[in-house]
Amino acid sequence: MKNNKFINKIVCADTLDLLPQIEENSIDVVLTDPPYFLDKLDNNWDYEEVSNQNNQYTIKSLPAGMKFDREQGKRFYAWYLDISKEIFRILKPGGFFFSFSSPRLYHRMASAIDDAGFEIRDTFMWLYTQNQAKAMGVDHFIKKMNIDEKAKEKIKEKLNGWKTPQIKSCFEPIAMAQKPTDQTYLNNMLKHEVGMFNTNVKIGDNMYPANVFTIDSINELIDRAFLLPKPTKKEKGEYNDHKTVKPIAICEYLINLSAFSKNAVVLDPFVGSGTTAVAAKKLGKKYIGIDANEKYVKISERRLKELDEKPNLFKTGKAERKNLQIELQVI
């Protein structure tokens, strides 16, 4: 099997260079968080540039992801179509493809996945309450206007509270796509051991799996229906400076829903700091991780090594489980 050299490894490579080396119809689940193609966050993004905090609050140097450009979506679609075609080739019939995105460019990502041959079965929504508001006021521009100070103050007063059309983003969409099955779902499961969902997986207070989830306790009703275990303090790692580390509980939830076989292979072509691989390993599945950034590859490998050394490192402790039960009690 051509994949043996990649199984249970994190490979430092460009995804489009490595995916063609993976055997067709050999992967059960692809779960990934690709570059979102917002300003500076595309397939050529530079770690140092995106992480640089200098001048982050001046108009001429916006934080990564804040600049609006209609071409972003077009570039994202073209690039992700190539990615999706390769993922379609290597997934088993009935295999699942979960892909995170920003709300603004989700339509481009989903269209690329759809046009590669996948069936878009649903969309998951990761709901959260805390995020940075990205809208900007215009006082800076008003100050530069060639008018007297009194007129400037009148304009400021008139536009008080009015900012650029960017509201606080409090959810991430995740495309749930599936490669068409080989005949019926039953036939596909018996032949390829993938293609259906495990509804024994529960969410919230022992509830049926839903396409909405949160790791933040919000209120009694939402917690009861959609709450997943909160991330432990140790699971990220103090050395892990990746900007968008995903909670292990979310990756576990999606893998548990979709990966049937004990030998299932879970692939993350943009593995970042390794959360998908860690979740797959915790669940006893095989994994393949790919990332072009050597720094992130080393972080991923370190997290996986820690899991070998301390198998309970990322498990929810008694205190966390007790708090979760208290939060979910119906008053």
Protein backbone atom coordinates (compact mmCIF):
# COMPACT_ATOMS: atom_id res chain seq x y z
CA MET A 1 0.00 0.00 0.00
CA LYS A 2 1.48 3.31 -1.07
CA ASN A 3 0.17 5.06 2.05
CA ASN A 4 2.22 3.01 4.53
CA LYS A 5 5.09 5.50 4.52
CA PHE A 6 2.69 8.28 5.57
CA ILE A 7 0.50 6.44 8.12
CA ASN A 8 0.73 7.89 11.64
CA LYS A 9 3.16 10.57 10.50
CA ILE A 10 3.18 14.35 10.13
CA VAL A 11 4.75 15.19 6.79
CA CYS A 12 6.31 18.56 6.02
CA ALA A 13 5.29 19.21 2.42
CA ASP A 14 3.09 21.28 0.15
CA THR A 15 -0.28 19.54 0.18
CA LEU A 16 -0.72 19.68 -3.60
CA ASP A 17 2.68 18.00 -3.99
CA LEU A 18 1.98 15.21 -1.52
CA LEU A 19 -1.68 14.34 -2.09
CA PRO A 20 -0.98 12.78 -5.52
CA GLN A 21 1.32 10.30 -3.73
CA ILE A 22 -1.56 8.93 -1.64
CA GLU A 23 -3.37 5.90 -3.00
CA GLU A 24 -6.85 6.44 -4.41
CA ASN A 25 -9.86 5.19 -2.42
CA SER A 26 -7.71 4.70 0.69
CA ILE A 27 -8.76 7.43 3.17
CA ASP A 28 -11.86 7.21 5.38
CA VAL A 29 -12.17 10.79 6.64
CA VAL A 30 -10.57 14.12 5.77
CA LEU A 31 -10.87 16.73 8.52
CA THR A 32 -9.07 20.02 8.00
CA ASP A 33 -8.88 23.74 8.69
CA PRO A 34 -7.38 25.20 5.48
CA PRO A 35 -6.08 28.72 4.90
CA TYR A 36 -9.17 30.97 4.76
CA PHE A 37 -7.79 33.19 1.97
CA LEU A 38 -8.65 36.35 3.84
CA ASP A 39 -5.94 39.04 3.58
CA LYS A 40 -2.48 37.49 4.23
CA LEU A 41 -4.08 34.14 5.12
CA ASP A 42 -3.88 32.38 1.78
CA ASN A 43 -1.87 29.37 0.57
CA ASN A 44 1.31 31.50 0.56
CA TRP A 45 0.84 32.91 4.03
CA ASP A 46 3.99 33.65 5.98
CA TYR A 47 4.14 32.72 9.68
CA GLU A 48 6.28 35.71 10.68
CA GLU A 49 4.18 38.22 8.75
CA VAL A 50 0.85 37.00 10.12
CA SER A 51 2.21 36.79 13.69
CA ASN A 52 3.81 40.26 13.65
CA GLN A 53 2.00 42.46 16.17
CA ASN A 54 3.68 45.71 15.06
CA ASN A 55 1.31 48.38 13.77
CA GLN A 56 -1.69 46.09 14.23
CA TYR A 57 -3.98 48.99 15.10
CA THR A 58 -3.16 51.51 12.39
CA ILE A 59 -5.22 52.03 9.28
CA LYS A 60 -2.30 51.39 6.92
CA SER A 61 -1.48 48.01 8.47
CA LEU A 62 -4.60 46.02 9.25
CA PRO A 63 -4.42 42.78 11.23
CA ALA A 64 -4.33 39.70 9.02
CA GLY A 65 -7.75 38.82 7.68
CA MET A 66 -9.38 42.25 7.91
CA LYS A 67 -8.78 43.62 4.42
CA PHE A 68 -11.71 43.14 2.03
CA ASP A 69 -10.88 42.05 -1.49
CA ARG A 70 -13.35 40.46 -3.94
CA GLU A 71 -10.49 38.56 -5.57
CA GLN A 72 -9.85 36.62 -2.37
CA GLY A 73 -12.84 34.37 -2.96
CA LYS A 74 -11.93 33.72 -6.58
CA ARG A 75 -8.39 32.74 -5.68
CA PHE A 76 -9.67 30.56 -2.83
CA TYR A 77 -12.12 28.75 -5.11
CA ALA A 78 -9.52 28.01 -7.81
CA TRP A 79 -6.96 26.74 -5.32
CA TYR A 80 -9.39 24.71 -3.23
CA LEU A 81 -10.93 23.11 -6.31
CA ASP A 82 -7.53 21.53 -7.03
CA ILE A 83 -7.24 20.44 -3.40
CA SER A 84 -10.78 19.00 -3.38
CA LYS A 85 -10.23 17.03 -6.59
CA GLU A 86 -7.27 15.26 -5.01
CA ILE A 87 -9.20 14.63 -1.80
CA PHE A 88 -12.06 13.20 -3.85
CA ARG A 89 -9.63 10.81 -5.54
CA ILE A 90 -8.08 9.48 -2.33
CA LEU A 91 -11.24 9.17 -0.22
CA LYS A 92 -13.00 5.82 -0.19
CA PRO A 93 -16.50 5.72 -1.73
CA GLY A 94 -18.78 7.21 0.92
CA GLY A 95 -15.83 8.86 2.68
CA PHE A 96 -16.39 12.16 4.48
CA PHE A 97 -14.70 15.52 3.99
CA PHE A 98 -15.06 18.09 6.81
CA SER A 99 -13.61 21.52 6.08
CA PHE A 100 -13.62 24.59 8.32
CA SER A 101 -14.01 28.04 6.79
CA SER A 102 -14.65 31.68 7.52
CA PRO A 103 -18.32 32.68 7.23
CA ARG A 104 -17.52 35.24 4.53
CA LEU A 105 -15.87 32.84 2.08
CA TYR A 106 -17.70 29.65 2.99
CA HIS A 107 -19.68 29.79 -0.27
CA ARG A 108 -16.48 29.72 -2.32
CA MET A 109 -15.11 26.77 -0.37
CA ALA A 110 -18.36 24.79 -0.55
CA SER A 111 -18.66 25.49 -4.28
CA ALA A 112 -15.14 24.19 -4.89
CA ILE A 113 -15.88 21.01 -2.91
CA ASP A 114 -19.19 20.54 -4.72
CA ASP A 115 -17.64 21.10 -8.16
CA ALA A 116 -14.95 18.50 -7.40
CA GLY A 117 -17.68 15.86 -7.29
CA PHE A 118 -18.64 15.76 -3.63
CA GLU A 119 -22.15 15.84 -2.24
CA ILE A 120 -22.58 18.67 0.28
CA ARG A 121 -24.59 16.83 2.92
CA ASP A 122 -24.80 19.50 5.61
CA THR A 123 -22.99 22.33 7.35
CA PHE A 124 -21.85 22.24 10.95
CA MET A 125 -21.79 25.46 12.96
CA TRP A 126 -19.26 25.97 15.73
CA LEU A 127 -20.93 28.57 17.94
CA TYR A 128 -18.97 30.72 20.36
CA THR A 129 -19.49 33.96 22.25
CA GLN A 130 -16.03 35.50 22.42
CA ASN A 131 -14.29 37.10 19.46
CA GLN A 132 -12.71 40.39 18.49
CA ALA A 133 -14.92 42.96 16.81
CA LYS A 134 -13.29 43.91 13.50
CA ALA A 135 -15.34 46.93 12.43
CA MET A 136 -13.52 50.27 12.18
CA GLY A 137 -14.70 53.77 12.89
CA VAL A 138 -13.99 56.68 10.56
CA ASP A 139 -12.72 59.30 13.03
CA HIS A 140 -9.22 58.85 11.63
CA PHE A 141 -10.42 59.88 8.18
CA ILE A 142 -12.60 62.70 9.45
CA LYS A 143 -9.56 64.26 11.13
CA LYS A 144 -7.83 64.44 7.73
CA MET A 145 -10.74 66.17 6.00
CA ASN A 146 -10.00 69.66 4.71
CA ILE A 147 -12.74 71.36 6.71
CA ASP A 148 -12.86 73.36 9.93
CA GLU A 149 -12.86 71.64 13.34
CA LYS A 150 -16.48 72.52 14.06
CA ALA A 151 -17.62 70.77 10.87
CA LYS A 152 -15.51 67.75 11.74
CA GLU A 153 -17.15 67.49 15.16
CA LYS A 154 -20.60 67.65 13.59
CA ILE A 155 -19.73 64.77 11.26
CA LYS A 156 -18.30 62.74 14.14
CA GLU A 157 -21.47 63.29 16.13
CA LYS A 158 -23.67 62.42 13.16
CA LEU A 159 -21.78 59.15 12.50
CA ASN A 160 -21.29 58.20 16.15
CA GLY A 161 -21.35 54.39 16.41
CA TRP A 162 -21.42 53.85 12.64
CA LYS A 163 -18.51 51.71 11.46
CA THR A 164 -17.40 49.61 8.51
CA PRO A 165 -19.77 46.66 7.79
CA GLN A 166 -17.93 44.03 9.80
CA ILE A 167 -19.82 42.58 12.75
CA LYS A 168 -18.32 40.39 15.45
CA SER A 169 -18.04 36.88 14.02
CA CYS A 170 -19.21 34.26 16.52
CA PHE A 171 -19.38 31.07 14.53
CA GLU A 172 -17.33 29.02 12.10
CA PRO A 173 -19.02 26.94 9.40
CA ILE A 174 -17.72 23.48 8.60
CA ALA A 175 -18.68 21.90 5.30
CA MET A 176 -19.80 18.29 5.60
CA ALA A 177 -19.21 16.69 2.22
CA GLN A 178 -19.32 13.06 1.14
CA LYS A 179 -17.90 11.17 -1.79
CA PRO A 180 -20.81 9.37 -3.53
CA THR A 181 -21.41 5.89 -2.19
CA ASP A 182 -20.86 2.61 -3.99
CA GLN A 183 -24.51 1.59 -4.52
CA THR A 184 -26.56 1.80 -1.30
CA TYR A 185 -25.37 3.07 2.08
CA LEU A 186 -25.63 -0.47 3.44
CA ASN A 187 -23.59 -1.90 0.56
CA ASN A 188 -21.02 0.86 0.99
CA MET A 189 -20.65 0.23 4.73
CA LEU A 190 -20.24 -3.50 4.27
CA LYS A 191 -17.74 -3.09 1.44
CA HIS A 192 -15.76 0.04 2.42
CA GLU A 193 -16.58 0.46 6.14
CA VAL A 194 -17.53 4.11 5.76
CA GLY A 195 -20.49 6.17 4.60
CA MET A 196 -22.91 6.39 7.53
CA PHE A 197 -23.02 8.33 10.80
CA ASN A 198 -22.78 6.88 14.29
CA THR A 199 -25.82 8.24 16.13
CA ASN A 200 -24.64 6.61 19.34
CA VAL A 201 -22.41 9.66 19.62
CA LYS A 202 -24.11 12.16 21.91
CA ILE A 203 -23.81 15.87 22.47
CA GLY A 204 -24.86 18.12 25.33
CA ASP A 205 -26.96 16.29 27.89
CA ASN A 206 -26.94 12.92 26.08
CA MET A 207 -28.66 14.44 23.06
CA TYR A 208 -28.81 13.19 19.45
CA PRO A 209 -25.88 14.51 17.36
CA ALA A 210 -26.57 17.94 15.89
CA ASN A 211 -25.00 20.18 13.26
CA VAL A 212 -24.50 22.90 15.89
CA PHE A 213 -21.99 22.62 18.72
CA THR A 214 -20.26 24.83 21.23
CA ILE A 215 -17.52 24.35 23.79
CA ASP A 216 -18.59 27.47 25.71
CA SER A 217 -21.31 27.24 28.33
CA ILE A 218 -23.89 29.75 27.05
CA ASN A 219 -27.23 29.04 28.72
CA GLU A 220 -29.18 26.06 29.97
CA LEU A 221 -31.07 25.39 26.74
CA ILE A 222 -28.10 25.66 24.37
CA ASP A 223 -25.78 23.76 26.73
CA ARG A 224 -28.26 20.91 27.03
CA ALA A 225 -28.54 20.50 23.26
CA PHE A 226 -25.12 21.45 21.86
CA LEU A 227 -22.33 21.57 24.47
CA LEU A 228 -19.13 19.57 23.94
CA PRO A 229 -16.47 19.12 26.64
CA LYS A 230 -14.40 22.21 27.24
CA PRO A 231 -10.72 22.08 26.24
CA THR A 232 -8.40 21.20 29.09
CA LYS A 233 -5.71 23.69 30.04
CA LYS A 234 -3.00 21.24 28.97
CA GLU A 235 -4.25 20.20 25.56
CA LYS A 236 -2.81 23.07 23.51
CA GLY A 237 0.66 23.04 25.07
CA GLU A 238 2.48 26.12 26.37
CA TYR A 239 4.92 25.88 23.46
CA ASN A 240 2.12 25.90 20.86
CA ASP A 241 1.87 29.39 19.34
CA HIS A 242 -0.36 28.45 16.40
CA LYS A 243 -2.96 31.21 15.93
CA THR A 244 -6.03 29.01 15.38
CA VAL A 245 -5.70 25.83 17.44
CA LYS A 246 -8.94 23.83 17.22
CA PRO A 247 -10.33 22.14 20.35
CA ILE A 248 -9.70 18.39 20.44
CA ALA A 249 -13.33 17.77 21.46
CA ILE A 250 -14.60 19.17 18.14
CA CYS A 251 -12.29 16.97 16.07
CA GLU A 252 -13.17 13.95 18.21
CA TYR A 253 -16.87 14.63 17.70
CA LEU A 254 -16.58 14.71 13.91
CA ILE A 255 -14.28 11.68 13.76
CA ASN A 256 -16.52 9.69 16.10
CA LEU A 257 -19.52 10.47 13.92
CA SER A 258 -17.92 9.36 10.67
CA ALA A 259 -15.00 6.92 11.16
CA PHE A 260 -16.37 3.38 11.53
CA SER A 261 -13.44 1.02 11.03
CA LYS A 262 -10.84 0.43 13.75
CA ASN A 263 -8.30 0.80 10.92
CA ALA A 264 -9.85 4.03 9.59
CA VAL A 265 -7.36 6.58 8.28
CA VAL A 266 -8.03 10.23 9.08
CA LEU A 267 -6.19 12.76 6.92
CA ASP A 268 -5.59 16.43 7.64
CA PRO A 269 -3.89 18.11 4.66
CA PHE A 270 -3.41 21.35 6.65
CA VAL A 271 -2.68 19.87 10.03
CA GLY A 272 -1.29 23.02 11.68
CA SER A 273 -0.39 22.19 15.28
CA GLY A 274 -1.79 18.67 14.97
CA THR A 275 -5.20 18.69 16.66
CA THR A 276 -6.82 16.38 14.09
CA ALA A 277 -3.97 13.88 14.43
CA VAL A 278 -4.12 14.02 18.23
CA ALA A 279 -7.89 13.44 18.17
CA ALA A 280 -7.56 10.51 15.75
CA LYS A 281 -4.82 8.93 17.83
CA LYS A 282 -6.84 9.34 21.02
CA LEU A 283 -9.71 7.48 19.35
CA GLY A 284 -7.49 4.65 18.17
CA LYS A 285 -7.61 5.65 14.49
CA LYS A 286 -4.75 6.05 12.07
CA TYR A 287 -3.78 9.50 10.87
CA ILE A 288 -1.84 11.35 8.20
CA GLY A 289 -0.96 15.00 8.73
CA ILE A 290 0.49 17.39 6.16
CA ASP A 291 1.76 20.92 6.66
CA ALA A 292 4.17 23.11 4.72
CA ASN A 293 5.36 24.89 7.87
CA GLU A 294 8.22 23.04 9.55
CA LYS A 295 7.58 24.84 12.83
CA TYR A 296 4.02 23.51 12.99
CA VAL A 297 5.12 20.01 12.02
CA LYS A 298 7.47 19.96 15.02
CA ILE A 299 4.69 21.22 17.31
CA SER A 300 2.37 18.48 16.02
CA GLU A 301 5.00 15.81 16.56
CA ARG A 302 5.63 17.05 20.09
CA ARG A 303 1.93 16.94 20.98
CA LEU A 304 1.64 13.40 19.61
CA LYS A 305 4.74 12.31 21.53
CA GLU A 306 3.26 13.73 24.72
CA LEU A 307 0.15 11.66 24.09
CA ASP A 308 2.36 8.55 23.93
CA GLU A 309 4.08 9.46 27.17
CA LYS A 310 0.90 10.54 29.00
CA PRO A 311 -2.20 8.86 27.48
CA ASN A 312 -4.50 10.73 29.89
CA LEU A 313 -2.98 14.13 29.16
CA PHE A 314 -5.87 15.40 27.03
CA LYS A 315 -8.72 13.67 28.84
CA THR A 316 -11.38 15.68 30.64
CA GLY A 317 -10.63 15.50 34.35
CA LYS A 318 -13.07 14.76 37.14
CA ALA A 319 -13.47 18.43 37.99
CA GLU A 320 -14.26 19.36 34.40
CA ARG A 321 -16.77 16.49 34.06
CA LYS A 322 -18.43 17.49 37.33
CA ASN A 323 -18.74 21.12 36.22
CA LEU A 324 -20.16 20.00 32.87
CA GLN A 325 -22.79 17.88 34.61
CA ILE A 326 -23.74 20.80 36.86
CA GLU A 327 -24.05 23.11 33.85
CA LEU A 328 -26.35 20.65 32.10
CA GLN A 329 -28.69 20.02 35.02
CA VAL A 330 -32.24 21.08 34.30
CA ILE A 331 -33.47 23.39 37.01
